Amino acid sequence: MFGFKKKGKKFVISGDKIKRLIESNEGCIATDRITVDGCKVGYMYREEPYQNGNPDSGWRFMAGDESDEYMGNPDNHSVYQVNTICNFDRDIIPLLDSTPGIAYIRDENGKLVFDEVLEVPED
């Protein structure tokens, strides 16, 4: 179960155990609390995908207990294919078609529920 290393990180699911669960090859950002520590996704939101030539989905995944200091350290999160994060927490799959500007949080019953519509600042 352990063993896949990237930049000194030991992931909960090794790369050879990742299965194709969704068709998308788009990317996302997820924290080490999910991929290294094995926490379920506790907070997820989707912003407008970056249009920089990379296949960005706009999804951002966190355990939900990350501090501002933790989030401010770029070593604590990485870019992955959304499919990879689906392997860490399959509960996210039914929500992936949500439009940008939406967020979900894991409630006291352990279910991901609508949290809010994100305020996106205008440029």
C-alpha atoms as a PDB file:
ATOM      1  CA  MET A   1       0.000   0.000   0.000  1.00  0.00           C
ATOM      2  CA  PHE A   2       2.881   2.368   0.688  1.00  0.00           C
ATOM      3  CA  GLY A   3       5.940   2.888  -1.398  1.00  0.00           C
ATOM      4  CA  PHE A   4       5.407   5.370  -4.239  1.00  0.00           C
ATOM      5  CA  LYS A   5       7.691   8.332  -3.638  1.00  0.00           C
ATOM      6  CA  LYS A   6       7.798  11.730  -5.311  1.00  0.00           C
ATOM      7  CA  LYS A   7       9.999  14.512  -4.022  1.00  0.00           C
ATOM      8  CA  GLY A   8      10.507  12.545  -0.809  1.00  0.00           C
ATOM      9  CA  LYS A   9       6.783  11.958  -0.293  1.00  0.00           C
ATOM     10  CA  LYS A  10       5.407   8.538   0.502  1.00  0.00           C
ATOM     11  CA  PHE A  11       1.871   8.265  -0.885  1.00  0.00           C
ATOM     12  CA  VAL A  12      -0.882   6.192   0.711  1.00  0.00           C
ATOM     13  CA  ILE A  13      -1.671   4.588  -2.659  1.00  0.00           C
ATOM     14  CA  SER A  14       1.300   3.635  -4.804  1.00  0.00           C
ATOM     15  CA  GLY A  15       1.331   4.719  -8.434  1.00  0.00           C
ATOM     16  CA  ASP A  16       0.930   1.175  -9.729  1.00  0.00           C
ATOM     17  CA  LYS A  17      -2.323   0.814  -7.744  1.00  0.00           C
ATOM     18  CA  ILE A  18      -4.058   3.837  -9.334  1.00  0.00           C
ATOM     19  CA  LYS A  19      -7.027   2.648 -11.416  1.00  0.00           C
ATOM     20  CA  ARG A  20      -8.860   4.465 -14.199  1.00  0.00           C
ATOM     21  CA  LEU A  21     -12.095   5.535 -12.471  1.00  0.00           C
ATOM     22  CA  ILE A  22     -13.048   8.515 -14.666  1.00  0.00           C
ATOM     23  CA  GLU A  23     -12.310   9.368 -18.291  1.00  0.00           C
ATOM     24  CA  SER A  24     -10.863  12.839 -17.718  1.00  0.00           C
ATOM     25  CA  ASN A  25      -7.137  13.517 -17.929  1.00  0.00           C
ATOM     26  CA  GLU A  26      -7.575  16.989 -16.450  1.00  0.00           C
ATOM     27  CA  GLY A  27      -5.487  18.135 -13.537  1.00  0.00           C
ATOM     28  CA  CYS A  28      -6.290  19.400 -10.052  1.00  0.00           C
ATOM     29  CA  ILE A  29      -4.514  20.463  -6.886  1.00  0.00           C
ATOM     30  CA  ALA A  30      -4.673  18.329  -3.735  1.00  0.00           C
ATOM     31  CA  THR A  31      -2.972  18.571  -0.370  1.00  0.00           C
ATOM     32  CA  ASP A  32      -0.693  16.004   1.202  1.00  0.00           C
ATOM     33  CA  ARG A  33      -3.303  15.496   3.915  1.00  0.00           C
ATOM     34  CA  ILE A  34      -5.149  13.436   1.271  1.00  0.00           C
ATOM     35  CA  THR A  35      -2.361  11.832  -0.755  1.00  0.00           C
ATOM     36  CA  VAL A  36       0.282  11.315   1.945  1.00  0.00           C
ATOM     37  CA  ASP A  37      -1.679  11.229   5.212  1.00  0.00           C
ATOM     38  CA  GLY A  38      -4.660   9.310   3.804  1.00  0.00           C
ATOM     39  CA  CYS A  39      -7.439  11.684   4.866  1.00  0.00           C
ATOM     40  CA  LYS A  40     -10.702  11.793   2.946  1.00  0.00           C
ATOM     41  CA  VAL A  41     -11.532  14.923   0.996  1.00  0.00           C
ATOM     42  CA  GLY A  42     -13.185  17.209   3.543  1.00  0.00           C
ATOM     43  CA  TYR A  43     -13.436  20.323   1.410  1.00  0.00           C
ATOM     44  CA  MET A  44     -13.410  20.703  -2.349  1.00  0.00           C
ATOM     45  CA  TYR A  45     -14.101  23.612  -4.620  1.00  0.00           C
ATOM     46  CA  ARG A  46     -13.970  24.325  -8.305  1.00  0.00           C
ATOM     47  CA  GLU A  47     -12.704  27.538  -9.769  1.00  0.00           C
ATOM     48  CA  GLU A  48     -12.477  28.504 -13.427  1.00  0.00           C
ATOM     49  CA  PRO A  49      -9.794  26.305 -14.974  1.00  0.00           C
ATOM     50  CA  TYR A  50      -6.534  28.028 -15.822  1.00  0.00           C
ATOM     51  CA  GLN A  51      -6.235  28.559 -19.558  1.00  0.00           C
ATOM     52  CA  ASN A  52      -2.463  28.197 -19.736  1.00  0.00           C
ATOM     53  CA  GLY A  53      -2.236  25.278 -22.138  1.00  0.00           C
ATOM     54  CA  ASN A  54      -2.445  22.684 -19.358  1.00  0.00           C
ATOM     55  CA  PRO A  55      -5.538  20.541 -18.872  1.00  0.00           C
ATOM     56  CA  ASP A  56      -6.740  22.068 -15.584  1.00  0.00           C
ATOM     57  CA  SER A  57     -10.140  20.988 -14.241  1.00  0.00           C
ATOM     58  CA  GLY A  58     -10.342  23.849 -11.740  1.00  0.00           C
ATOM     59  CA  TRP A  59     -10.815  21.378  -8.854  1.00  0.00           C
ATOM     60  CA  ARG A  60      -8.968  21.899  -5.566  1.00  0.00           C
ATOM     61  CA  PHE A  61      -9.101  19.187  -2.870  1.00  0.00           C
ATOM     62  CA  MET A  62      -8.264  19.462   0.835  1.00  0.00           C
ATOM     63  CA  ALA A  63      -8.880  17.422   3.963  1.00  0.00           C
ATOM     64  CA  GLY A  64     -10.444  20.530   5.491  1.00  0.00           C
ATOM     65  CA  ASP A  65      -8.198  20.816   8.532  1.00  0.00           C
ATOM     66  CA  GLU A  66      -5.237  22.488   6.824  1.00  0.00           C
ATOM     67  CA  SER A  67      -4.102  25.726   8.477  1.00  0.00           C
ATOM     68  CA  ASP A  68      -3.235  28.893   6.579  1.00  0.00           C
ATOM     69  CA  GLU A  69       0.417  28.199   7.370  1.00  0.00           C
ATOM     70  CA  TYR A  70       0.123  24.655   5.955  1.00  0.00           C
ATOM     71  CA  MET A  71      -1.582  25.930   2.789  1.00  0.00           C
ATOM     72  CA  GLY A  72       1.047  28.644   2.401  1.00  0.00           C
ATOM     73  CA  ASN A  73       3.781  26.042   2.026  1.00  0.00           C
ATOM     74  CA  PRO A  74       3.844  24.840  -1.609  1.00  0.00           C
ATOM     75  CA  ASP A  75       5.536  21.599  -0.520  1.00  0.00           C
ATOM     76  CA  ASN A  76       2.224  20.544   1.083  1.00  0.00           C
ATOM     77  CA  HIS A  77       0.219  20.292  -2.146  1.00  0.00           C
ATOM     78  CA  SER A  78       0.794  19.107  -5.691  1.00  0.00           C
ATOM     79  CA  VAL A  79      -0.835  18.860  -9.085  1.00  0.00           C
ATOM     80  CA  TYR A  80      -2.428  15.512  -9.953  1.00  0.00           C
ATOM     81  CA  GLN A  81      -4.860  14.136 -12.474  1.00  0.00           C
ATOM     82  CA  VAL A  82      -8.360  14.276 -11.012  1.00  0.00           C
ATOM     83  CA  ASN A  83      -8.549  10.515 -11.581  1.00  0.00           C
ATOM     84  CA  THR A  84      -5.692  10.042  -9.118  1.00  0.00           C
ATOM     85  CA  ILE A  85      -7.580  11.854  -6.352  1.00  0.00           C
ATOM     86  CA  CYS A  86     -10.691   9.779  -7.177  1.00  0.00           C
ATOM     87  CA  ASN A  87      -8.622   6.742  -6.172  1.00  0.00           C
ATOM     88  CA  PHE A  88      -7.947   8.329  -2.776  1.00  0.00           C
ATOM     89  CA  ASP A  89     -11.613   9.248  -2.224  1.00  0.00           C
ATOM     90  CA  ARG A  90     -14.318   7.919  -4.561  1.00  0.00           C
ATOM     91  CA  ASP A  91     -16.953  10.066  -2.823  1.00  0.00           C
ATOM     92  CA  ILE A  92     -15.894  12.974  -5.036  1.00  0.00           C
ATOM     93  CA  ILE A  93     -16.797  11.286  -8.335  1.00  0.00           C
ATOM     94  CA  PRO A  94     -20.520  12.194  -8.465  1.00  0.00           C
ATOM     95  CA  LEU A  95     -19.667  15.868  -7.850  1.00  0.00           C
ATOM     96  CA  LEU A  96     -17.026  16.331 -10.541  1.00  0.00           C
ATOM     97  CA  ASP A  97     -19.420  17.681 -13.177  1.00  0.00           C
ATOM     98  CA  SER A  98     -20.312  20.667 -10.970  1.00  0.00           C
ATOM     99  CA  THR A  99     -19.823  24.072 -12.517  1.00  0.00           C
ATOM    100  CA  PRO A 100     -16.941  26.332 -11.503  1.00  0.00           C
ATOM    101  CA  GLY A 101     -17.689  28.537  -8.503  1.00  0.00           C
ATOM    102  CA  ILE A 102     -19.078  25.798  -6.244  1.00  0.00           C
ATOM    103  CA  ALA A 103     -17.777  24.167  -3.058  1.00  0.00           C
ATOM    104  CA  TYR A 104     -18.562  21.039  -1.067  1.00  0.00           C
ATOM    105  CA  ILE A 105     -17.737  20.175   2.532  1.00  0.00           C
ATOM    106  CA  ARG A 106     -17.928  16.872   4.399  1.00  0.00           C
ATOM    107  CA  ASP A 107     -20.723  17.095   6.972  1.00  0.00           C
ATOM    108  CA  GLU A 108     -21.001  15.495  10.418  1.00  0.00           C
ATOM    109  CA  ASN A 109     -22.485  12.377   8.772  1.00  0.00           C
ATOM    110  CA  GLY A 110     -19.436  11.975   6.549  1.00  0.00           C
ATOM    111  CA  LYS A 111     -21.202  13.044   3.352  1.00  0.00           C
ATOM    112  CA  LEU A 112     -19.935  15.701   0.939  1.00  0.00           C
ATOM    113  CA  VAL A 113     -22.641  18.361   0.749  1.00  0.00           C
ATOM    114  CA  PHE A 114     -23.032  21.710  -1.005  1.00  0.00           C
ATOM    115  CA  ASP A 115     -21.182  24.370   0.938  1.00  0.00           C
ATOM    116  CA  GLU A 116     -21.346  27.638  -0.948  1.00  0.00           C
ATOM    117  CA  VAL A 117     -21.021  29.447  -4.192  1.00  0.00           C
ATOM    118  CA  LEU A 118     -17.543  30.907  -4.291  1.00  0.00           C
ATOM    119  CA  GLU A 119     -17.034  34.614  -4.718  1.00  0.00           C
ATOM    120  CA  VAL A 120     -14.627  35.019  -7.595  1.00  0.00           C
ATOM    121  CA  PRO A 121     -12.942  38.443  -7.684  1.00  0.00           C
ATOM    122  CA  GLU A 122     -13.037  40.236 -11.017  1.00  0.00           C
ATOM    123  CA  ASP A 123      -9.733  41.118 -12.650  1.00  0.00           C
END
